[in-house]
Amino acid sequence: MAARWLVPGGLFAFIDSRPDPESGALDHRPPAADVQLRRLDDGTTYRVRKVFYEPAELESALGHAGFDEIEISTTDRFFVLGSARRR
């Protein structure tokens, strides 16, 4: 979808979380079958889809989606960062 929104040469950048037992709220359990319950400050709870992708998976998916100049890195614990340009 992002490739369709960008002109050729347009930059796509993202940041996402990595799995880390200390990075989430104490009442949030790890995703089961890629679904996680998230509780907001007002007490409402939502089921959200959460998939922890590995950098190599993201690089492959971006290449297949029409991107090049793909750069993906991770921080020591919490985040995966990436950028790519639309072909």
PDB file of N, CA and C in Angstrom:
ATOM      1  N   MET A   1       0.832  -1.180   0.000  1.00  0.00           N
ATOM      2  CA  MET A   1       0.000   0.000   0.000  1.00  0.00           C
ATOM      3  C   MET A   1       0.884   1.255   0.000  1.00  0.00           C
ATOM      4  N   ALA A   2       1.947   1.263   0.804  1.00  0.00           N
ATOM      5  CA  ALA A   2       2.803   2.448   0.861  1.00  0.00           C
ATOM      6  C   ALA A   2       3.451   2.735  -0.489  1.00  0.00           C
ATOM      7  N   ALA A   3       3.817   1.687  -1.214  1.00  0.00           N
ATOM      8  CA  ALA A   3       4.447   1.897  -2.528  1.00  0.00           C
ATOM      9  C   ALA A   3       3.497   2.625  -3.470  1.00  0.00           C
ATOM     10  N   ARG A   4       2.212   2.349  -3.379  1.00  0.00           N
ATOM     11  CA  ARG A   4       1.231   3.027  -4.251  1.00  0.00           C
ATOM     12  C   ARG A   4       1.099   4.500  -3.899  1.00  0.00           C
ATOM     13  N   TRP A   5       1.326   4.855  -2.663  1.00  0.00           N
ATOM     14  CA  TRP A   5       1.180   6.242  -2.227  1.00  0.00           C
ATOM     15  C   TRP A   5       2.370   7.111  -2.623  1.00  0.00           C
ATOM     16  N   LEU A   6       3.501   6.487  -2.898  1.00  0.00           N
ATOM     17  CA  LEU A   6       4.726   7.249  -3.148  1.00  0.00           C
ATOM     18  C   LEU A   6       5.024   7.387  -4.635  1.00  0.00           C
ATOM     19  N   VAL A   7       5.616   8.504  -4.995  1.00  0.00           N
ATOM     20  CA  VAL A   7       6.118   8.683  -6.355  1.00  0.00           C
ATOM     21  C   VAL A   7       7.416   7.884  -6.470  1.00  0.00           C
ATOM     22  N   PRO A   8       7.838   7.526  -7.677  1.00  0.00           N
ATOM     23  CA  PRO A   8       9.123   6.852  -7.822  1.00  0.00           C
ATOM     24  C   PRO A   8      10.235   7.665  -7.142  1.00  0.00           C
ATOM     25  N   GLY A   9      11.046   6.996  -6.360  1.00  0.00           N
ATOM     26  CA  GLY A   9      12.095   7.654  -5.599  1.00  0.00           C
ATOM     27  C   GLY A   9      11.644   8.149  -4.241  1.00  0.00           C
ATOM     28  N   GLY A  10      10.318   8.077  -3.972  1.00  0.00           N
ATOM     29  CA  GLY A  10       9.792   8.535  -2.684  1.00  0.00           C
ATOM     30  C   GLY A  10      10.296   7.671  -1.533  1.00  0.00           C
ATOM     31  N   LEU A  11      10.513   8.291  -0.395  1.00  0.00           N
ATOM     32  CA  LEU A  11      11.069   7.619   0.771  1.00  0.00           C
ATOM     33  C   LEU A  11       9.973   7.098   1.688  1.00  0.00           C
ATOM     34  N   PHE A  12      10.100   5.837   2.065  1.00  0.00           N
ATOM     35  CA  PHE A  12       9.233   5.211   3.052  1.00  0.00           C
ATOM     36  C   PHE A  12      10.090   4.935   4.280  1.00  0.00           C
ATOM     37  N   ALA A  13       9.680   5.388   5.445  1.00  0.00           N
ATOM     38  CA  ALA A  13      10.427   5.161   6.680  1.00  0.00           C
ATOM     39  C   ALA A  13       9.467   4.643   7.745  1.00  0.00           C
ATOM     40  N   PHE A  14       9.987   3.799   8.629  1.00  0.00           N
ATOM     41  CA  PHE A  14       9.130   3.228   9.667  1.00  0.00           C
ATOM     42  C   PHE A  14       9.938   2.930  10.922  1.00  0.00           C
ATOM     43  N   ILE A  15       9.198   2.786  12.011  1.00  0.00           N
ATOM     44  CA  ILE A  15       9.744   2.319  13.281  1.00  0.00           C
ATOM     45  C   ILE A  15       8.688   1.403  13.881  1.00  0.00           C
ATOM     46  N   ASP A  16       9.136   0.306  14.460  1.00  0.00           N
ATOM     47  CA  ASP A  16       8.206  -0.629  15.091  1.00  0.00           C
ATOM     48  C   ASP A  16       8.887  -1.229  16.309  1.00  0.00           C
ATOM     49  N   SER A  17       8.102  -1.853  17.147  1.00  0.00           N
ATOM     50  CA  SER A  17       8.658  -2.440  18.365  1.00  0.00           C
ATOM     51  C   SER A  17       9.195  -3.842  18.110  1.00  0.00           C
ATOM     52  N   ARG A  18      10.187  -4.203  18.900  1.00  0.00           N
ATOM     53  CA  ARG A  18      10.734  -5.554  18.919  1.00  0.00           C
ATOM     54  C   ARG A  18      10.217  -6.238  20.178  1.00  0.00           C
ATOM     55  N   PRO A  19      10.214  -7.556  20.195  1.00  0.00           N
ATOM     56  CA  PRO A  19       9.764  -8.231  21.420  1.00  0.00           C
ATOM     57  C   PRO A  19      10.770  -8.000  22.557  1.00  0.00           C
ATOM     58  N   ASP A  20      10.276  -7.542  23.670  1.00  0.00           N
ATOM     59  CA  ASP A  20      11.104  -7.328  24.851  1.00  0.00           C
ATOM     60  C   ASP A  20      10.180  -7.400  26.064  1.00  0.00           C
ATOM     61  N   PRO A  21      10.440  -8.318  26.975  1.00  0.00           N
ATOM     62  CA  PRO A  21       9.514  -8.484  28.108  1.00  0.00           C
ATOM     63  C   PRO A  21       9.380  -7.251  28.987  1.00  0.00           C
ATOM     64  N   GLU A  22      10.322  -6.316  28.916  1.00  0.00           N
ATOM     65  CA  GLU A  22      10.266  -5.132  29.761  1.00  0.00           C
ATOM     66  C   GLU A  22       9.767  -3.891  29.019  1.00  0.00           C
ATOM     67  N   SER A  23       9.398  -4.023  27.747  1.00  0.00           N
ATOM     68  CA  SER A  23       9.037  -2.835  26.982  1.00  0.00           C
ATOM     69  C   SER A  23       7.551  -2.510  27.003  1.00  0.00           C
ATOM     70  N   GLY A  24       6.703  -3.423  27.399  1.00  0.00           N
ATOM     71  CA  GLY A  24       5.263  -3.178  27.377  1.00  0.00           C
ATOM     72  C   GLY A  24       4.715  -2.893  28.757  1.00  0.00           C
ATOM     73  N   ALA A  25       3.455  -2.555  28.782  1.00  0.00           N
ATOM     74  CA  ALA A  25       2.777  -2.345  30.053  1.00  0.00           C
ATOM     75  C   ALA A  25       2.705  -3.672  30.803  1.00  0.00           C
ATOM     76  N   LEU A  26       2.737  -3.601  32.111  1.00  0.00           N
ATOM     77  CA  LEU A  26       2.751  -4.815  32.923  1.00  0.00           C
ATOM     78  C   LEU A  26       1.505  -5.670  32.729  1.00  0.00           C
ATOM     79  N   ASP A  27       0.367  -5.041  32.371  1.00  0.00           N
ATOM     80  CA  ASP A  27      -0.864  -5.818  32.196  1.00  0.00           C
ATOM     81  C   ASP A  27      -1.086  -6.264  30.747  1.00  0.00           C
ATOM     82  N   HIS A  28      -0.103  -6.082  29.863  1.00  0.00           N
ATOM     83  CA  HIS A  28      -0.199  -6.544  28.480  1.00  0.00           C
ATOM     84  C   HIS A  28       0.566  -7.850  28.348  1.00  0.00           C
ATOM     85  N   ARG A  29      -0.134  -8.898  27.975  1.00  0.00           N
ATOM     86  CA  ARG A  29       0.514 -10.184  27.777  1.00  0.00           C
ATOM     87  C   ARG A  29       1.138 -10.232  26.385  1.00  0.00           C
ATOM     88  N   PRO A  30       2.135 -11.102  26.196  1.00  0.00           N
ATOM     89  CA  PRO A  30       2.716 -11.251  24.850  1.00  0.00           C
ATOM     90  C   PRO A  30       1.639 -11.703  23.857  1.00  0.00           C
ATOM     91  N   PRO A  31       1.786 -11.344  22.580  1.00  0.00           N
ATOM     92  CA  PRO A  31       0.787 -11.745  21.582  1.00  0.00           C
ATOM     93  C   PRO A  31       0.653 -13.260  21.494  1.00  0.00           C
ATOM     94  N   ALA A  32      -0.568 -13.713  21.366  1.00  0.00           N
ATOM     95  CA  ALA A  32      -0.857 -15.124  21.114  1.00  0.00           C
ATOM     96  C   ALA A  32      -1.505 -15.195  19.745  1.00  0.00           C
ATOM     97  N   ALA A  33      -0.916 -15.969  18.838  1.00  0.00           N
ATOM     98  CA  ALA A  33      -1.429 -16.065  17.463  1.00  0.00           C
ATOM     99  C   ALA A  33      -1.515 -14.680  16.829  1.00  0.00           C
ATOM    100  N   ASP A  34      -0.521 -13.843  17.113  1.00  0.00           N
ATOM    101  CA  ASP A  34      -0.404 -12.496  16.541  1.00  0.00           C
ATOM    102  C   ASP A  34      -1.498 -11.539  16.997  1.00  0.00           C
ATOM    103  N   VAL A  35      -2.210 -11.855  18.074  1.00  0.00           N
ATOM    104  CA  VAL A  35      -3.240 -10.956  18.617  1.00  0.00           C
ATOM    105  C   VAL A  35      -2.885 -10.648  20.058  1.00  0.00           C
ATOM    106  N   GLN A  36      -3.001  -9.369  20.417  1.00  0.00           N
ATOM    107  CA  GLN A  36      -2.682  -8.929  21.761  1.00  0.00           C
ATOM    108  C   GLN A  36      -3.802  -8.052  22.282  1.00  0.00           C
ATOM    109  N   LEU A  37      -4.088  -8.140  23.572  1.00  0.00           N
ATOM    110  CA  LEU A  37      -5.050  -7.249  24.200  1.00  0.00           C
ATOM    111  C   LEU A  37      -4.300  -6.016  24.684  1.00  0.00           C
ATOM    112  N   ARG A  38      -4.827  -4.838  24.357  1.00  0.00           N
ATOM    113  CA  ARG A  38      -4.233  -3.578  24.799  1.00  0.00           C
ATOM    114  C   ARG A  38      -5.268  -2.828  25.623  1.00  0.00           C
ATOM    115  N   ARG A  39      -4.877  -2.414  26.812  1.00  0.00           N
ATOM    116  CA  ARG A  39      -5.776  -1.674  27.691  1.00  0.00           C
ATOM    117  C   ARG A  39      -5.327  -0.215  27.717  1.00  0.00           C
ATOM    118  N   LEU A  40      -6.255   0.689  27.450  1.00  0.00           N
ATOM    119  CA  LEU A  40      -5.964   2.124  27.475  1.00  0.00           C
ATOM    120  C   LEU A  40      -6.152   2.683  28.880  1.00  0.00           C
ATOM    121  N   ASP A  41      -5.688   3.898  29.093  1.00  0.00           N
ATOM    122  CA  ASP A  41      -5.794   4.534  30.407  1.00  0.00           C
ATOM    123  C   ASP A  41      -7.231   4.668  30.885  1.00  0.00           C
ATOM    124  N   ASP A  42      -8.184   4.771  29.942  1.00  0.00           N
ATOM    125  CA  ASP A  42      -9.586   4.915  30.350  1.00  0.00           C
ATOM    126  C   ASP A  42     -10.237   3.564  30.667  1.00  0.00           C
ATOM    127  N   GLY A  43      -9.452   2.477  30.598  1.00  0.00           N
ATOM    128  CA  GLY A  43      -9.965   1.151  30.943  1.00  0.00           C
ATOM    129  C   GLY A  43     -10.499   0.338  29.772  1.00  0.00           C
ATOM    130  N   THR A  44     -10.687   0.962  28.618  1.00  0.00           N
ATOM    131  CA  THR A  44     -11.169   0.194  27.472  1.00  0.00           C
ATOM    132  C   THR A  44     -10.066  -0.752  26.987  1.00  0.00           C
ATOM    133  N   THR A  45     -10.496  -1.891  26.469  1.00  0.00           N
ATOM    134  CA  THR A  45      -9.568  -2.915  26.001  1.00  0.00           C
ATOM    135  C   THR A  45      -9.844  -3.203  24.538  1.00  0.00           C
ATOM    136  N   TYR A  46      -8.775  -3.356  23.769  1.00  0.00           N
ATOM    137  CA  TYR A  46      -8.889  -3.637  22.341  1.00  0.00           C
ATOM    138  C   TYR A  46      -7.993  -4.821  21.991  1.00  0.00           C
ATOM    139  N   ARG A  47      -8.485  -5.617  21.057  1.00  0.00           N
ATOM    140  CA  ARG A  47      -7.661  -6.675  20.486  1.00  0.00           C
ATOM    141  C   ARG A  47      -6.953  -6.082  19.276  1.00  0.00           C
ATOM    142  N   VAL A  48      -5.623  -6.172  19.249  1.00  0.00           N
ATOM    143  CA  VAL A  48      -4.852  -5.624  18.146  1.00  0.00           C
ATOM    144  C   VAL A  48      -3.970  -6.715  17.559  1.00  0.00           C
ATOM    145  N   ARG A  49      -3.701  -6.590  16.288  1.00  0.00           N
ATOM    146  CA  ARG A  49      -2.791  -7.524  15.626  1.00  0.00           C
ATOM    147  C   ARG A  49      -1.370  -7.022  15.843  1.00  0.00           C
ATOM    148  N   LYS A  50      -0.496  -7.892  16.342  1.00  0.00           N
ATOM    149  CA  LYS A  50       0.898  -7.522  16.569  1.00  0.00           C
ATOM    150  C   LYS A  50       1.789  -8.663  16.090  1.00  0.00           C
ATOM    151  N   VAL A  51       2.573  -8.369  15.077  1.00  0.00           N
ATOM    152  CA  VAL A  51       3.521  -9.337  14.530  1.00  0.00           C
ATOM    153  C   VAL A  51       4.916  -8.745  14.694  1.00  0.00           C
ATOM    154  N   PHE A  52       5.806  -9.503  15.284  1.00  0.00           N
ATOM    155  CA  PHE A  52       7.187  -9.071  15.428  1.00  0.00           C
ATOM    156  C   PHE A  52       7.988  -9.621  14.257  1.00  0.00           C
ATOM    157  N   TYR A  53       8.250  -8.767  13.261  1.00  0.00           N
ATOM    158  CA  TYR A  53       8.998  -9.194  12.078  1.00  0.00           C
ATOM    159  C   TYR A  53      10.499  -9.088  12.323  1.00  0.00           C
ATOM    160  N   GLU A  54      11.236 -10.023  11.755  1.00  0.00           N
ATOM    161  CA  GLU A  54      12.690  -9.975  11.779  1.00  0.00           C
ATOM    162  C   GLU A  54      13.161  -9.047  10.655  1.00  0.00           C
ATOM    163  N   PRO A  55      14.299  -8.388  10.824  1.00  0.00           N
ATOM    164  CA  PRO A  55      14.806  -7.489   9.786  1.00  0.00           C
ATOM    165  C   PRO A  55      14.896  -8.138   8.403  1.00  0.00           C
ATOM    166  N   ALA A  56      15.335  -9.372   8.317  1.00  0.00           N
ATOM    167  CA  ALA A  56      15.446 -10.035   7.011  1.00  0.00           C
ATOM    168  C   ALA A  56      14.074 -10.208   6.357  1.00  0.00           C
ATOM    169  N   GLU A  57      13.044 -10.481   7.148  1.00  0.00           N
ATOM    170  CA  GLU A  57      11.684 -10.594   6.610  1.00  0.00           C
ATOM    171  C   GLU A  57      11.220  -9.263   6.040  1.00  0.00           C
ATOM    172  N   LEU A  58      11.490  -8.187   6.764  1.00  0.00           N
ATOM    173  CA  LEU A  58      11.091  -6.855   6.305  1.00  0.00           C
ATOM    174  C   LEU A  58      11.822  -6.476   5.025  1.00  0.00           C
ATOM    175  N   GLU A  59      13.108  -6.764   4.972  1.00  0.00           N
ATOM    176  CA  GLU A  59      13.887  -6.447   3.772  1.00  0.00           C
ATOM    177  C   GLU A  59      13.347  -7.188   2.562  1.00  0.00           C
ATOM    178  N   SER A  60      13.039  -8.462   2.724  1.00  0.00           N
ATOM    179  CA  SER A  60      12.481  -9.251   1.621  1.00  0.00           C
ATOM    180  C   SER A  60      11.119  -8.711   1.186  1.00  0.00           C
ATOM    181  N   ALA A  61      10.261  -8.419   2.143  1.00  0.00           N
ATOM    182  CA  ALA A  61       8.917  -7.918   1.822  1.00  0.00           C
ATOM    183  C   ALA A  61       8.984  -6.574   1.108  1.00  0.00           C
ATOM    184  N   LEU A  62       9.868  -5.682   1.560  1.00  0.00           N
ATOM    185  CA  LEU A  62      10.005  -4.379   0.906  1.00  0.00           C
ATOM    186  C   LEU A  62      10.524  -4.531  -0.519  1.00  0.00           C
ATOM    187  N   GLY A  63      11.472  -5.426  -0.729  1.00  0.00           N
ATOM    188  CA  GLY A  63      11.978  -5.666  -2.078  1.00  0.00           C
ATOM    189  C   GLY A  63      10.898  -6.177  -3.001  1.00  0.00           C
ATOM    190  N   HIS A  64      10.088  -7.109  -2.517  1.00  0.00           N
ATOM    191  CA  HIS A  64       8.990  -7.645  -3.334  1.00  0.00           C
ATOM    192  C   HIS A  64       7.903  -6.611  -3.590  1.00  0.00           C
ATOM    193  N   ALA A  65       7.786  -5.627  -2.702  1.00  0.00           N
ATOM    194  CA  ALA A  65       6.744  -4.600  -2.842  1.00  0.00           C
ATOM    195  C   ALA A  65       7.163  -3.444  -3.740  1.00  0.00           C
ATOM    196  N   GLY A  66       8.378  -3.497  -4.280  1.00  0.00           N
ATOM    197  CA  GLY A  66       8.789  -2.450  -5.213  1.00  0.00           C
ATOM    198  C   GLY A  66       9.709  -1.397  -4.636  1.00  0.00           C
ATOM    199  N   PHE A  67      10.436  -1.733  -3.587  1.00  0.00           N
ATOM    200  CA  PHE A  67      11.350  -0.783  -2.974  1.00  0.00           C
ATOM    201  C   PHE A  67      12.791  -1.229  -3.199  1.00  0.00           C
ATOM    202  N   ASP A  68      13.705  -0.258  -3.211  1.00  0.00           N
ATOM    203  CA  ASP A  68      15.132  -0.556  -3.181  1.00  0.00           C
ATOM    204  C   ASP A  68      15.790   0.419  -2.213  1.00  0.00           C
ATOM    205  N   GLU A  69      17.117   0.437  -2.164  1.00  0.00           N
ATOM    206  CA  GLU A  69      17.849   1.236  -1.171  1.00  0.00           C
ATOM    207  C   GLU A  69      17.301   0.960   0.230  1.00  0.00           C
ATOM    208  N   ILE A  70      17.067  -0.305   0.514  1.00  0.00           N
ATOM    209  CA  ILE A  70      16.446  -0.726   1.770  1.00  0.00           C
ATOM    210  C   ILE A  70      17.502  -0.749   2.877  1.00  0.00           C
ATOM    211  N   GLU A  71      17.208  -0.073   3.966  1.00  0.00           N
ATOM    212  CA  GLU A  71      18.082  -0.064   5.136  1.00  0.00           C
ATOM    213  C   GLU A  71      17.245  -0.380   6.368  1.00  0.00           C
ATOM    214  N   ILE A  72      17.643  -1.424   7.089  1.00  0.00           N
ATOM    215  CA  ILE A  72      16.925  -1.809   8.300  1.00  0.00           C
ATOM    216  C   ILE A  72      17.948  -2.021   9.409  1.00  0.00           C
ATOM    217  N   SER A  73      17.651  -1.476  10.578  1.00  0.00           N
ATOM    218  CA  SER A  73      18.525  -1.665  11.733  1.00  0.00           C
ATOM    219  C   SER A  73      17.662  -1.879  12.976  1.00  0.00           C
ATOM    220  N   THR A  74      18.310  -2.311  14.035  1.00  0.00           N
ATOM    221  CA  THR A  74      17.609  -2.498  15.306  1.00  0.00           C
ATOM    222  C   THR A  74      18.372  -1.795  16.403  1.00  0.00           C
ATOM    223  N   THR A  75      17.647  -1.365  17.418  1.00  0.00           N
ATOM    224  CA  THR A  75      18.291  -0.864  18.620  1.00  0.00           C
ATOM    225  C   THR A  75      18.583  -2.073  19.507  1.00  0.00           C
ATOM    226  N   ASP A  76      19.314  -1.856  20.572  1.00  0.00           N
ATOM    227  CA  ASP A  76      19.691  -2.978  21.426  1.00  0.00           C
ATOM    228  C   ASP A  76      18.495  -3.763  21.944  1.00  0.00           C
ATOM    229  N   ARG A  77      17.400  -3.092  22.228  1.00  0.00           N
ATOM    230  CA  ARG A  77      16.272  -3.811  22.812  1.00  0.00           C
ATOM    231  C   ARG A  77      14.932  -3.548  22.150  1.00  0.00           C
ATOM    232  N   PHE A  78      14.533  -2.314  21.989  1.00  0.00           N
ATOM    233  CA  PHE A  78      13.121  -2.030  21.780  1.00  0.00           C
ATOM    234  C   PHE A  78      12.631  -1.871  20.347  1.00  0.00           C
ATOM    235  N   PHE A  79      13.466  -1.427  19.414  1.00  0.00           N
ATOM    236  CA  PHE A  79      12.923  -0.987  18.132  1.00  0.00           C
ATOM    237  C   PHE A  79      13.623  -1.580  16.922  1.00  0.00           C
ATOM    238  N   VAL A  80      12.854  -1.685  15.828  1.00  0.00           N
ATOM    239  CA  VAL A  80      13.394  -1.944  14.497  1.00  0.00           C
ATOM    240  C   VAL A  80      13.080  -0.699  13.677  1.00  0.00           C
ATOM    241  N   LEU A  81      14.078  -0.196  12.960  1.00  0.00           N
ATOM    242  CA  LEU A  81      13.959   1.037  12.181  1.00  0.00           C
ATOM    243  C   LEU A  81      14.255   0.718  10.725  1.00  0.00           C
ATOM    244  N   GLY A  82      13.558   1.358   9.821  1.00  0.00           N
ATOM    245  CA  GLY A  82      13.841   1.087   8.424  1.00  0.00           C
ATOM    246  C   GLY A  82      13.475   2.219   7.501  1.00  0.00           C
ATOM    247  N   SER A  83      14.087   2.157   6.327  1.00  0.00           N
ATOM    248  CA  SER A  83      13.746   3.084   5.243  1.00  0.00           C
ATOM    249  C   SER A  83      13.995   2.396   3.926  1.00  0.00           C
ATOM    250  N   ALA A  84      13.306   2.857   2.901  1.00  0.00           N
ATOM    251  CA  ALA A  84      13.455   2.312   1.559  1.00  0.00           C
ATOM    252  C   ALA A  84      12.891   3.334   0.578  1.00  0.00           C
ATOM    253  N   ARG A  85      13.350   3.236  -0.666  1.00  0.00           N
ATOM    254  CA  ARG A  85      12.855   4.127  -1.719  1.00  0.00           C
ATOM    255  C   ARG A  85      12.053   3.330  -2.725  1.00  0.00           C
ATOM    256  N   ARG A  86      10.947   3.924  -3.164  1.00  0.00           N
ATOM    257  CA  ARG A  86      10.128   3.290  -4.193  1.00  0.00           C
ATOM    258  C   ARG A  86      10.865   3.302  -5.517  1.00  0.00           C
ATOM    259  N   ARG A  87      10.858   2.161  -6.191  1.00  0.00           N
ATOM    260  CA  ARG A  87      11.460   2.085  -7.530  1.00  0.00           C
ATOM    261  C   ARG A  87      10.671   2.892  -8.507  1.00  0.00           C
TER     262      ARG A  87
END
